[in-house]
Amino acid sequence: MQNFNDTTSVKINREKKNLAKSKGLKLQDLLDSALNDELGLCNEEDKVNERIERLKQEIKNLEIEKEKNLADCDKKINILMRNLRDMRDREEENYNDKINILKAKIEYLEQF
């Protein structure tokens, strides 16, 4: 049996560590939770409260992600709208040019 002290290190799977970090979980909290579970130190109420806190954190993360994505969508919509307005203005210019050319032809023909 190995003796543990304050500086004992623990080897963990790199993929699991990266997954925990990506979900915003702290390794120390996970280790404490696992030790509590194994030692029978937490009761059902603690587990429920812990689950509630995790769900609240997940909601908070989703709300932040939602705001970022909606802001990104708004930027894209604004870019598209600006491009559509520019396209409409160019189309209007083209028709005005054609109309002016035809009016100039009429004026030219009326001189004879």
N, C-alpha and C. Protein backbone atom coordinates (compact mmCIF):
# COMPACT_ATOMS: atom_id res chain seq x y z
N MET A 1 0.84 -1.18 0.00
CA MET A 1 0.00 0.00 0.00
C MET A 1 0.88 1.24 0.00
N GLN A 2 0.47 2.23 -0.77
CA GLN A 2 1.25 3.45 -0.90
C GLN A 2 0.81 4.46 0.15
N ASN A 3 1.77 5.18 0.70
CA ASN A 3 1.45 6.25 1.65
C ASN A 3 1.16 7.53 0.90
N PHE A 4 0.12 8.25 1.33
CA PHE A 4 -0.26 9.51 0.69
C PHE A 4 0.12 10.67 1.57
N ASN A 5 0.59 11.74 0.96
CA ASN A 5 0.85 12.97 1.70
C ASN A 5 0.32 14.14 0.87
N ASP A 6 0.62 15.37 1.30
CA ASP A 6 0.06 16.54 0.62
C ASP A 6 0.54 16.70 -0.82
N THR A 7 1.65 16.09 -1.15
CA THR A 7 2.20 16.26 -2.49
C THR A 7 2.04 15.02 -3.36
N THR A 8 1.19 14.08 -2.96
CA THR A 8 0.97 12.88 -3.76
C THR A 8 0.34 13.25 -5.09
N SER A 9 0.90 12.75 -6.16
CA SER A 9 0.35 13.04 -7.48
C SER A 9 -0.51 11.87 -7.93
N VAL A 10 -1.44 12.18 -8.81
CA VAL A 10 -2.36 11.18 -9.32
C VAL A 10 -2.26 11.18 -10.84
N LYS A 11 -2.11 10.00 -11.43
CA LYS A 11 -2.09 9.91 -12.89
C LYS A 11 -3.52 9.76 -13.38
N ILE A 12 -3.84 10.55 -14.39
CA ILE A 12 -5.19 10.46 -14.96
C ILE A 12 -5.07 10.38 -16.47
N ASN A 13 -6.10 9.85 -17.07
CA ASN A 13 -6.17 9.71 -18.52
C ASN A 13 -6.27 11.11 -19.14
N ARG A 14 -5.40 11.39 -20.09
CA ARG A 14 -5.33 12.72 -20.71
C ARG A 14 -6.65 13.08 -21.40
N GLU A 15 -7.26 12.13 -22.09
CA GLU A 15 -8.52 12.42 -22.78
C GLU A 15 -9.62 12.77 -21.78
N LYS A 16 -9.66 12.03 -20.66
CA LYS A 16 -10.68 12.31 -19.65
C LYS A 16 -10.42 13.67 -19.00
N LYS A 17 -9.16 14.01 -18.80
CA LYS A 17 -8.81 15.29 -18.21
C LYS A 17 -9.24 16.42 -19.15
N ASN A 18 -8.95 16.28 -20.43
CA ASN A 18 -9.33 17.31 -21.40
C ASN A 18 -10.84 17.44 -21.52
N LEU A 19 -11.55 16.31 -21.45
CA LEU A 19 -13.01 16.33 -21.51
C LEU A 19 -13.58 17.06 -20.29
N ALA A 20 -13.02 16.77 -19.10
CA ALA A 20 -13.48 17.43 -17.88
C ALA A 20 -13.24 18.94 -17.97
N LYS A 21 -12.08 19.33 -18.46
CA LYS A 21 -11.77 20.76 -18.60
C LYS A 21 -12.69 21.43 -19.59
N SER A 22 -12.99 20.75 -20.70
CA SER A 22 -13.86 21.34 -21.71
C SER A 22 -15.28 21.55 -21.19
N LYS A 23 -15.68 20.74 -20.23
CA LYS A 23 -17.01 20.89 -19.64
C LYS A 23 -16.99 21.87 -18.46
N GLY A 24 -15.81 22.43 -18.18
CA GLY A 24 -15.72 23.41 -17.10
C GLY A 24 -15.61 22.79 -15.72
N LEU A 25 -15.30 21.51 -15.67
CA LEU A 25 -15.18 20.84 -14.38
C LEU A 25 -13.76 20.99 -13.85
N LYS A 26 -13.64 21.09 -12.55
CA LYS A 26 -12.33 21.21 -11.93
C LYS A 26 -11.91 19.84 -11.42
N LEU A 27 -10.67 19.48 -11.72
CA LEU A 27 -10.17 18.15 -11.35
C LEU A 27 -10.19 17.94 -9.85
N GLN A 28 -9.87 18.97 -9.07
CA GLN A 28 -9.88 18.84 -7.62
C GLN A 28 -11.28 18.53 -7.11
N ASP A 29 -12.28 19.21 -7.69
CA ASP A 29 -13.67 18.94 -7.29
C ASP A 29 -14.07 17.51 -7.62
N LEU A 30 -13.65 17.04 -8.79
CA LEU A 30 -13.97 15.67 -9.18
C LEU A 30 -13.30 14.66 -8.24
N LEU A 31 -12.04 14.93 -7.89
CA LEU A 31 -11.33 14.03 -6.98
C LEU A 31 -11.98 14.04 -5.61
N ASP A 32 -12.31 15.23 -5.11
CA ASP A 32 -12.98 15.32 -3.81
C ASP A 32 -14.30 14.57 -3.82
N SER A 33 -15.05 14.75 -4.88
CA SER A 33 -16.35 14.09 -5.00
C SER A 33 -16.19 12.57 -5.01
N ALA A 34 -15.21 12.10 -5.80
CA ALA A 34 -14.97 10.66 -5.87
C ALA A 34 -14.54 10.10 -4.51
N LEU A 35 -13.68 10.84 -3.81
CA LEU A 35 -13.25 10.39 -2.47
C LEU A 35 -14.42 10.38 -1.50
N ASN A 36 -15.24 11.40 -1.53
CA ASN A 36 -16.42 11.44 -0.66
C ASN A 36 -17.35 10.27 -0.95
N ASP A 37 -17.57 10.01 -2.23
CA ASP A 37 -18.43 8.88 -2.59
C ASP A 37 -17.86 7.56 -2.09
N GLU A 38 -16.57 7.38 -2.33
CA GLU A 38 -15.92 6.12 -1.95
C GLU A 38 -15.88 5.93 -0.44
N LEU A 39 -15.69 7.03 0.28
CA LEU A 39 -15.62 6.96 1.74
C LEU A 39 -16.99 7.07 2.41
N GLY A 40 -18.02 7.31 1.60
CA GLY A 40 -19.37 7.40 2.15
C GLY A 40 -19.57 8.65 2.98
N LEU A 41 -18.89 9.74 2.62
CA LEU A 41 -18.96 10.96 3.40
C LEU A 41 -20.07 11.91 2.96
N CYS A 42 -20.67 11.67 1.84
CA CYS A 42 -21.72 12.58 1.40
C CYS A 42 -23.07 11.86 1.45
N ASN A 43 -24.07 12.61 1.79
CA ASN A 43 -25.42 12.04 1.85
C ASN A 43 -26.19 12.39 0.58
N GLU A 44 -27.40 11.93 0.50
CA GLU A 44 -28.22 12.15 -0.70
C GLU A 44 -28.48 13.64 -0.94
N GLU A 45 -28.66 14.39 0.13
CA GLU A 45 -28.93 15.82 -0.03
C GLU A 45 -27.73 16.53 -0.66
N ASP A 46 -26.53 16.14 -0.26
CA ASP A 46 -25.33 16.72 -0.86
C ASP A 46 -25.25 16.39 -2.35
N LYS A 47 -25.61 15.15 -2.68
CA LYS A 47 -25.58 14.75 -4.09
C LYS A 47 -26.58 15.55 -4.91
N VAL A 48 -27.76 15.76 -4.34
CA VAL A 48 -28.79 16.52 -5.04
C VAL A 48 -28.33 17.97 -5.21
N ASN A 49 -27.78 18.54 -4.14
CA ASN A 49 -27.31 19.93 -4.23
C ASN A 49 -26.17 20.06 -5.23
N GLU A 50 -25.30 19.08 -5.25
CA GLU A 50 -24.19 19.09 -6.21
C GLU A 50 -24.72 19.02 -7.64
N ARG A 51 -25.70 18.17 -7.83
CA ARG A 51 -26.31 18.03 -9.16
C ARG A 51 -26.99 19.33 -9.58
N ILE A 52 -27.67 19.97 -8.64
CA ILE A 52 -28.33 21.25 -8.92
C ILE A 52 -27.29 22.29 -9.33
N GLU A 53 -26.18 22.34 -8.62
CA GLU A 53 -25.13 23.30 -8.94
C GLU A 53 -24.54 23.03 -10.33
N ARG A 54 -24.36 21.77 -10.65
CA ARG A 54 -23.85 21.42 -11.99
C ARG A 54 -24.83 21.87 -13.07
N LEU A 55 -26.13 21.63 -12.82
CA LEU A 55 -27.14 22.02 -13.80
C LEU A 55 -27.19 23.54 -13.95
N LYS A 56 -27.07 24.27 -12.84
CA LYS A 56 -27.05 25.73 -12.90
C LYS A 56 -25.85 26.21 -13.71
N GLN A 57 -24.71 25.57 -13.49
CA GLN A 57 -23.51 25.95 -14.24
C GLN A 57 -23.68 25.65 -15.73
N GLU A 58 -24.31 24.53 -16.04
CA GLU A 58 -24.56 24.17 -17.43
C GLU A 58 -25.50 25.19 -18.09
N ILE A 59 -26.53 25.61 -17.34
CA ILE A 59 -27.45 26.62 -17.85
C ILE A 59 -26.70 27.92 -18.12
N LYS A 60 -25.86 28.32 -17.18
CA LYS A 60 -25.09 29.55 -17.32
C LYS A 60 -24.19 29.47 -18.56
N ASN A 61 -23.51 28.34 -18.74
CA ASN A 61 -22.65 28.16 -19.90
C ASN A 61 -23.44 28.22 -21.21
N LEU A 62 -24.63 27.60 -21.21
CA LEU A 62 -25.46 27.62 -22.41
C LEU A 62 -25.97 29.03 -22.72
N GLU A 63 -26.30 29.79 -21.68
CA GLU A 63 -26.76 31.16 -21.90
C GLU A 63 -25.64 32.02 -22.49
N ILE A 64 -24.42 31.83 -22.00
CA ILE A 64 -23.29 32.57 -22.55
C ILE A 64 -23.06 32.18 -24.01
N GLU A 65 -23.11 30.88 -24.28
CA GLU A 65 -22.92 30.39 -25.65
C GLU A 65 -24.02 30.92 -26.56
N LYS A 66 -25.26 30.95 -26.05
CA LYS A 66 -26.40 31.45 -26.83
C LYS A 66 -26.19 32.90 -27.21
N GLU A 67 -25.78 33.72 -26.24
CA GLU A 67 -25.56 35.14 -26.51
C GLU A 67 -24.48 35.35 -27.55
N LYS A 68 -23.39 34.58 -27.44
CA LYS A 68 -22.31 34.71 -28.42
C LYS A 68 -22.80 34.32 -29.81
N ASN A 69 -23.53 33.22 -29.90
CA ASN A 69 -24.02 32.75 -31.21
C ASN A 69 -25.05 33.70 -31.81
N LEU A 70 -25.93 34.26 -30.97
CA LEU A 70 -26.91 35.21 -31.48
C LEU A 70 -26.24 36.49 -31.97
N ALA A 71 -25.23 36.94 -31.24
CA ALA A 71 -24.49 38.13 -31.68
C ALA A 71 -23.80 37.85 -33.02
N ASP A 72 -23.26 36.66 -33.16
CA ASP A 72 -22.61 36.28 -34.41
C ASP A 72 -23.63 36.24 -35.55
N CYS A 73 -24.81 35.71 -35.27
CA CYS A 73 -25.88 35.67 -36.29
C CYS A 73 -26.30 37.08 -36.68
N ASP A 74 -26.41 37.97 -35.69
CA ASP A 74 -26.78 39.36 -36.00
C ASP A 74 -25.75 40.01 -36.90
N LYS A 75 -24.47 39.76 -36.63
CA LYS A 75 -23.41 40.32 -37.48
C LYS A 75 -23.55 39.81 -38.91
N LYS A 76 -23.79 38.51 -39.05
CA LYS A 76 -23.93 37.92 -40.38
C LYS A 76 -25.15 38.47 -41.10
N ILE A 77 -26.25 38.65 -40.37
CA ILE A 77 -27.46 39.21 -40.96
C ILE A 77 -27.20 40.64 -41.44
N ASN A 78 -26.50 41.42 -40.62
CA ASN A 78 -26.19 42.80 -41.01
C ASN A 78 -25.32 42.84 -42.26
N ILE A 79 -24.36 41.95 -42.34
CA ILE A 79 -23.51 41.89 -43.54
C ILE A 79 -24.34 41.55 -44.76
N LEU A 80 -25.21 40.55 -44.63
CA LEU A 80 -26.06 40.15 -45.75
C LEU A 80 -26.99 41.28 -46.18
N MET A 81 -27.58 41.96 -45.20
CA MET A 81 -28.49 43.06 -45.52
C MET A 81 -27.76 44.19 -46.24
N ARG A 82 -26.55 44.51 -45.78
CA ARG A 82 -25.77 45.55 -46.43
C ARG A 82 -25.46 45.16 -47.88
N ASN A 83 -25.10 43.90 -48.08
CA ASN A 83 -24.81 43.42 -49.43
C ASN A 83 -26.06 43.46 -50.31
N LEU A 84 -27.20 43.12 -49.76
CA LEU A 84 -28.44 43.16 -50.53
C LEU A 84 -28.81 44.60 -50.90
N ARG A 85 -28.61 45.54 -49.95
CA ARG A 85 -28.89 46.95 -50.25
C ARG A 85 -27.95 47.45 -51.35
N ASP A 86 -26.68 47.08 -51.26
CA ASP A 86 -25.73 47.48 -52.30
C ASP A 86 -26.14 46.92 -53.66
N MET A 87 -26.57 45.66 -53.67
CA MET A 87 -26.99 45.03 -54.91
C MET A 87 -28.22 45.75 -55.48
N ARG A 88 -29.15 46.13 -54.61
CA ARG A 88 -30.35 46.85 -55.04
C ARG A 88 -29.96 48.21 -55.62
N ASP A 89 -29.04 48.91 -54.97
CA ASP A 89 -28.60 50.21 -55.47
C ASP A 89 -27.94 50.09 -56.84
N ARG A 90 -27.12 49.06 -57.02
CA ARG A 90 -26.48 48.85 -58.33
C ARG A 90 -27.53 48.54 -59.40
N GLU A 91 -28.52 47.75 -59.03
CA GLU A 91 -29.59 47.42 -59.97
C GLU A 91 -30.36 48.67 -60.36
N GLU A 92 -30.64 49.53 -59.39
CA GLU A 92 -31.35 50.77 -59.67
C GLU A 92 -30.52 51.66 -60.59
N GLU A 93 -29.22 51.73 -60.34
CA GLU A 93 -28.32 52.50 -61.21
C GLU A 93 -28.35 51.99 -62.65
N ASN A 94 -28.31 50.67 -62.79
CA ASN A 94 -28.35 50.07 -64.13
C ASN A 94 -29.62 50.46 -64.88
N TYR A 95 -30.76 50.37 -64.19
CA TYR A 95 -32.03 50.73 -64.85
C TYR A 95 -32.07 52.22 -65.16
N ASN A 96 -31.58 53.04 -64.22
CA ASN A 96 -31.56 54.49 -64.49
C ASN A 96 -30.69 54.81 -65.69
N ASP A 97 -29.54 54.12 -65.80
CA ASP A 97 -28.67 54.33 -66.97
C ASP A 97 -29.39 53.95 -68.27
N LYS A 98 -30.08 52.82 -68.26
CA LYS A 98 -30.81 52.39 -69.46
C LYS A 98 -31.91 53.39 -69.82
N ILE A 99 -32.62 53.86 -68.79
CA ILE A 99 -33.69 54.84 -69.03
C ILE A 99 -33.11 56.13 -69.59
N ASN A 100 -32.01 56.59 -69.02
CA ASN A 100 -31.38 57.83 -69.51
C ASN A 100 -30.89 57.68 -70.95
N ILE A 101 -30.36 56.53 -71.29
CA ILE A 101 -29.93 56.28 -72.67
C ILE A 101 -31.11 56.34 -73.62
N LEU A 102 -32.22 55.71 -73.23
CA LEU A 102 -33.41 55.74 -74.09
C LEU A 102 -33.96 57.16 -74.22
N LYS A 103 -33.95 57.94 -73.13
CA LYS A 103 -34.41 59.34 -73.19
C LYS A 103 -33.51 60.16 -74.11
N ALA A 104 -32.21 59.89 -74.03
CA ALA A 104 -31.27 60.61 -74.90
C ALA A 104 -31.52 60.25 -76.36
N LYS A 105 -31.85 59.00 -76.65
CA LYS A 105 -32.16 58.59 -78.01
C LYS A 105 -33.40 59.32 -78.51
N ILE A 106 -34.41 59.43 -77.62
CA ILE A 106 -35.66 60.13 -78.00
C ILE A 106 -35.34 61.59 -78.34
N GLU A 107 -34.54 62.25 -77.47
CA GLU A 107 -34.18 63.66 -77.72
C GLU A 107 -33.42 63.79 -79.04
N TYR A 108 -32.55 62.87 -79.30
CA TYR A 108 -31.77 62.90 -80.54
C TYR A 108 -32.68 62.76 -81.74
N LEU A 109 -33.62 61.79 -81.65
CA LEU A 109 -34.53 61.57 -82.78
C LEU A 109 -35.49 62.71 -82.99
N GLU A 110 -35.85 63.43 -81.91
CA GLU A 110 -36.79 64.54 -82.03
C GLU A 110 -36.15 65.75 -82.71
N GLN A 111 -34.83 65.78 -82.76
CA GLN A 111 -34.15 66.90 -83.41
C GLN A 111 -34.30 66.87 -84.93
N PHE A 112 -34.64 65.74 -85.49
CA PHE A 112 -34.75 65.63 -86.95
C PHE A 112 -36.11 65.92 -87.40
